[in-house]
Each structure stands twice: as structure tokens, then as C-alpha cells.
């Protein structure tokens, strides 16, 4: 009987010892309570606001100018999402446009692509087409073809993510990058990035 109890006790010790060997140690992700972006497990509206605030502040601090001294005209280019996650890239661009317009330091062109006649450009084209070809619009108020103001700059960007798996979660570092390029010269005149770290469950 004593031998049986002793054998069982040794087996328990061996199992406990083996479990201790394979248990993860120091594999959890350190999460500061006040770190930006950690409040949720995916890119959300708050993160968009962080990106927009950083980019608009940086762009306006850099300053925008044209040779004529007038307010520059910016066209929203594409923001490419290179991550496997669903990110509303168009929302970021539109929110940046809204904040820059509110600051009164630039204008934005919504005439970007007439070929596909979609989105804002498509609506603009349809209105021009209606005014010029429907014969329903007073010629004195008609807006003719060929008078759209050309953009001085194009704003485009990229979003990347680097992910690292741990025992308890996946740590993802999102990098939002935007660049402002002068259309006439092709020169980038401003660029900035914003990083947001998330703990994906």
C-alpha cells in the first residue's frame, strides 16, 4: 500500500515538473494603460482621429504655398491599405480634407478621375454634362467644360502593419504614412507617419 501511494506521489511530481517546463514564461505582451490605440483590439474610429490629428497638424505646421500666393489646391490621391485588416482609408482622407478646409489654408479638388465617372468626380462630371448637353440650363449660368481648376498638390499614402505572435495575443504595429507631392514638379514637399500599436486577441 505504501509503495502504491509513493508511486502515485512520484507520478504527480513528474507531471507537475513537466508542466512547469512547458509553461510559458514572460511571454505576455506589456500593455501600458495609457498607450494610444490599446483601448481596442482593432483599428477603430479613435485611431483614425489620432492619425488625422497628427497629419493635419504636421502638414499645416510645415506650411503650404503656391507661386501665385493663392491658397493651394490639393487633390486626394489613393491611400493604399497593405494590411490584412479592414481599414476605412477613404475616411482618413476625407477627415483630413475636412480639417484642412476648416483651417482655411487650402482648397481641395474633387475632380480626380472622369474616366470611370464614379464617386465625387463622377457626380461633378454628370453635373457638367447636364449643364452643357441637356439644353435645360440657362447659358448665362452654365458652367462650361474645361474650366476646372487644376490641383497644385496630390495627397496620397500607405498603411502597413507588422505583427508578432506571443503566447497570449498578437501584437500589431500599424504605420500610417502620408505624402504631399507637387503636381507640376513631382517633388514630395511634405511627408509624415503615425504609428498605432494594437493588441489583437
Protein backbone atom coordinates (compact mmCIF):
# COMPACT_ATOMS: atom_id res chain seq x y z
CA UNK A 1 0.00 0.00 0.00
CA UNK A 2 2.78 2.39 0.94
CA UNK A 3 4.57 1.59 -2.32
CA UNK A 4 1.42 2.36 -4.28
CA UNK A 5 0.97 5.75 -2.56
CA UNK A 6 4.63 6.57 -3.09
CA UNK A 7 4.42 5.69 -6.77
CA UNK A 8 1.33 7.88 -7.23
CA UNK A 9 3.04 10.75 -5.40
CA UNK A 10 6.08 10.48 -7.69
CA UNK A 11 3.87 10.47 -10.77
CA UNK A 12 2.14 13.65 -9.61
CA UNK A 13 5.52 15.31 -9.03
CA UNK A 14 6.71 14.30 -12.50
CA UNK A 15 3.56 15.67 -14.15
CA UNK A 16 3.86 18.93 -12.21
CA UNK A 17 7.52 19.20 -13.11
CA UNK A 18 6.83 18.54 -16.79
CA UNK A 19 4.02 21.08 -16.84
CA UNK A 20 6.34 23.63 -15.32
CA UNK A 21 8.87 23.02 -18.06
CA UNK A 22 6.45 23.69 -20.88
CA UNK A 23 4.56 26.56 -19.27
CA UNK A 24 5.21 29.93 -20.96
CA UNK A 25 7.30 32.39 -19.02
CA UNK A 26 7.43 36.12 -19.66
CA UNK A 27 5.52 35.73 -22.92
CA UNK A 28 2.71 38.16 -22.21
CA UNK A 29 2.61 41.48 -24.02
CA UNK A 30 3.33 44.53 -21.88
CA UNK A 31 0.47 46.97 -22.32
CA UNK A 32 0.81 50.45 -20.79
CA UNK A 33 -2.60 51.50 -19.56
CA UNK A 34 -2.40 54.95 -21.17
CA UNK A 35 -0.88 53.97 -24.52
CA UNK A 36 -2.65 55.30 -27.62
CA UNK A 37 -4.54 52.71 -29.61
CA UNK A 38 -4.58 49.95 -26.97
CA UNK A 39 -8.17 50.63 -25.93
CA UNK A 40 -9.50 48.30 -28.64
CA UNK A 41 -8.33 45.16 -30.40
CA UNK A 42 -8.67 46.57 -33.92
CA UNK A 43 -8.20 49.85 -35.77
CA UNK A 44 -11.25 51.95 -34.94
CA UNK A 45 -12.62 55.48 -35.13
CA UNK A 46 -10.41 56.72 -32.29
CA UNK A 47 -7.32 55.54 -34.16
CA UNK A 48 -8.48 57.35 -37.30
CA UNK A 49 -8.81 60.51 -35.22
CA UNK A 50 -5.27 60.08 -33.89
CA UNK A 51 -3.91 59.76 -37.42
CA UNK A 52 -5.90 62.71 -38.78
CA UNK A 53 -4.91 64.97 -35.88
CA UNK A 54 -1.22 64.14 -36.30
CA UNK A 55 -1.19 64.52 -40.08
CA UNK A 56 -3.18 67.77 -40.26
CA UNK A 57 -1.12 69.38 -37.50
CA UNK A 58 2.13 68.36 -39.18
CA UNK A 59 1.02 69.46 -42.66
CA UNK A 60 -0.22 72.87 -41.54
CA UNK A 61 2.88 73.41 -39.42
CA UNK A 62 5.02 72.73 -42.48
CA UNK A 63 3.02 75.27 -44.48
CA UNK A 64 1.55 75.20 -47.98
CA UNK A 65 2.25 77.76 -50.66
CA UNK A 66 1.95 78.39 -54.40
CA UNK A 67 3.86 80.63 -56.78
CA UNK A 68 0.83 82.89 -57.18
CA UNK A 69 0.44 83.29 -53.44
CA UNK A 70 -3.11 81.97 -53.56
CA UNK A 71 -4.46 79.12 -51.45
CA UNK A 72 -3.07 75.86 -52.82
CA UNK A 73 -5.41 73.30 -54.33
CA UNK A 74 -4.96 69.70 -53.15
CA UNK A 75 -6.31 66.55 -54.76
CA UNK A 76 -6.93 63.46 -52.64
CA UNK A 77 -5.00 60.56 -54.09
CA UNK A 78 -5.25 56.92 -53.05
CA UNK A 79 -4.34 55.62 -49.60
CA UNK A 80 -3.25 52.01 -50.04
CA UNK A 81 -4.00 49.51 -47.29
CA UNK A 82 -1.19 46.94 -47.29
CA UNK A 83 -2.51 45.17 -44.19
CA UNK A 84 -4.81 42.13 -43.92
CA UNK A 85 -7.20 44.23 -41.83
CA UNK A 86 -10.25 46.23 -42.89
CA UNK A 87 -9.30 49.91 -42.62
CA UNK A 88 -11.51 52.71 -43.92
CA UNK A 89 -8.81 54.51 -45.87
CA UNK A 90 -11.23 56.85 -47.62
CA UNK A 91 -12.49 58.08 -44.27
CA UNK A 92 -8.97 59.10 -43.26
CA UNK A 93 -8.52 61.14 -46.44
CA UNK A 94 -11.90 62.81 -46.16
CA UNK A 95 -11.38 63.71 -42.50
CA UNK A 96 -8.00 65.25 -43.34
CA UNK A 97 -9.65 67.27 -46.10
CA UNK A 98 -12.35 68.48 -43.71
CA UNK A 99 -9.85 69.67 -41.10
CA UNK A 100 -7.60 71.43 -43.63
CA UNK A 101 -10.61 73.18 -45.18
CA UNK A 102 -11.78 74.27 -41.73
CA UNK A 103 -8.34 75.78 -41.12
CA UNK A 104 -8.82 77.85 -44.29
CA UNK A 105 -5.29 77.33 -45.59
CA UNK A 106 -6.00 75.26 -48.70
CA UNK A 107 -8.71 74.16 -51.12
CA UNK A 108 -9.41 70.65 -52.35
CA UNK A 109 -10.22 69.49 -55.86
CA UNK A 110 -12.84 66.76 -56.18
CA UNK A 111 -12.10 66.34 -59.88
CA UNK A 112 -9.73 63.41 -59.89
CA UNK A 113 -10.95 60.81 -62.37
CA UNK A 114 -13.60 61.43 -65.02
CA UNK A 115 -12.82 58.22 -66.89
CA UNK A 116 -14.71 55.92 -64.54
CA UNK A 117 -17.37 58.50 -63.66
CA UNK A 118 -17.59 57.28 -60.10
CA UNK A 119 -17.56 58.96 -56.71
CA UNK A 120 -17.16 62.73 -56.42
CA UNK A 121 -15.57 63.07 -59.85
CA UNK A 122 -18.44 61.18 -61.41
CA UNK A 123 -21.02 63.43 -59.76
CA UNK A 124 -19.13 66.51 -60.95
CA UNK A 125 -18.92 65.17 -64.49
CA UNK A 126 -22.64 64.37 -64.55
CA UNK A 127 -23.44 67.92 -63.46
CA UNK A 128 -21.20 69.41 -66.16
CA UNK A 129 -22.73 67.07 -68.71
CA UNK A 130 -26.23 68.09 -67.63
CA UNK A 131 -25.46 71.80 -67.82
CA UNK A 132 -23.76 71.61 -71.22
CA UNK A 133 -25.77 68.98 -73.06
CA UNK A 134 -29.29 68.83 -71.65
CA UNK A 135 -30.40 72.21 -73.07
CA UNK A 136 -32.25 72.79 -69.78
CA UNK A 137 -29.73 75.22 -68.24
CA UNK A 138 -29.61 78.96 -68.86
CA UNK A 139 -26.47 79.64 -70.97
CA UNK A 140 -25.72 82.65 -68.81
CA UNK A 141 -25.31 80.44 -65.73
CA UNK A 142 -23.92 77.37 -67.48
CA UNK A 143 -20.52 76.13 -66.28
CA UNK A 144 -18.60 75.13 -69.37
CA UNK A 145 -16.20 72.27 -69.93
CA UNK A 146 -12.51 72.99 -69.49
CA UNK A 147 -12.72 75.40 -66.56
CA UNK A 148 -11.91 73.03 -63.68
CA UNK A 149 -9.05 74.33 -61.56
CA UNK A 150 -6.00 72.09 -61.64
CA UNK A 151 -4.59 70.81 -58.35
CA UNK A 152 -1.25 72.09 -57.10
CA UNK A 153 -0.64 69.07 -54.88
CA UNK A 154 -1.74 65.45 -54.58
CA UNK A 155 -2.02 63.77 -51.18
CA UNK A 156 -1.55 60.01 -51.08
CA UNK A 157 -0.41 57.42 -48.57
CA UNK A 158 0.17 53.87 -47.41
CA UNK A 159 -0.76 51.79 -44.38
CA UNK A 160 1.44 48.91 -43.21
CA UNK A 161 1.31 46.52 -40.29
CA UNK A 162 3.96 44.40 -38.57
CA UNK A 163 2.58 41.64 -36.37
CA UNK A 164 4.20 39.49 -33.69
CA UNK A 165 2.58 36.48 -32.06
CA UNK A 166 3.01 35.83 -28.34
CA UNK A 167 1.55 33.23 -26.02
CA UNK A 168 -1.50 35.29 -25.11
CA UNK A 169 -2.11 37.60 -28.07
CA UNK A 170 -0.85 39.11 -31.30
CA UNK A 171 0.86 42.48 -31.18
CA UNK A 172 0.29 44.59 -34.30
CA UNK A 173 2.08 47.82 -35.10
CA UNK A 174 0.24 49.86 -37.73
CA UNK A 175 2.15 52.55 -39.62
CA UNK A 176 0.16 55.26 -41.41
CA UNK A 177 2.24 57.22 -43.92
CA UNK A 178 1.13 60.23 -45.99
CA UNK A 179 2.98 62.26 -48.62
CA UNK A 180 2.13 65.57 -50.31
CA UNK A 181 3.58 65.88 -53.81
CA UNK A 182 3.73 68.94 -56.04
CA UNK A 183 1.97 68.07 -59.31
CA UNK A 184 4.00 70.38 -61.57
CA UNK A 185 7.41 69.10 -60.45
CA UNK A 186 6.69 65.66 -58.99
CA UNK A 187 8.60 66.64 -55.86
CA UNK A 188 7.43 65.50 -52.43
CA UNK A 189 7.14 68.63 -50.30
CA UNK A 190 5.85 67.05 -47.08
CA UNK A 191 5.59 63.62 -45.53
CA UNK A 192 4.86 62.22 -42.08
CA UNK A 193 3.95 58.99 -40.33
CA UNK A 194 1.82 57.91 -37.38
CA UNK A 195 2.22 54.57 -35.60
CA UNK A 196 -0.57 52.89 -33.65
CA UNK A 197 0.03 49.72 -31.63
CA UNK A 198 -2.78 47.25 -31.09
CA UNK A 199 -3.07 44.05 -29.11
CA UNK A 200 -5.12 41.68 -31.24
CA UNK A 201 -6.85 38.94 -29.25
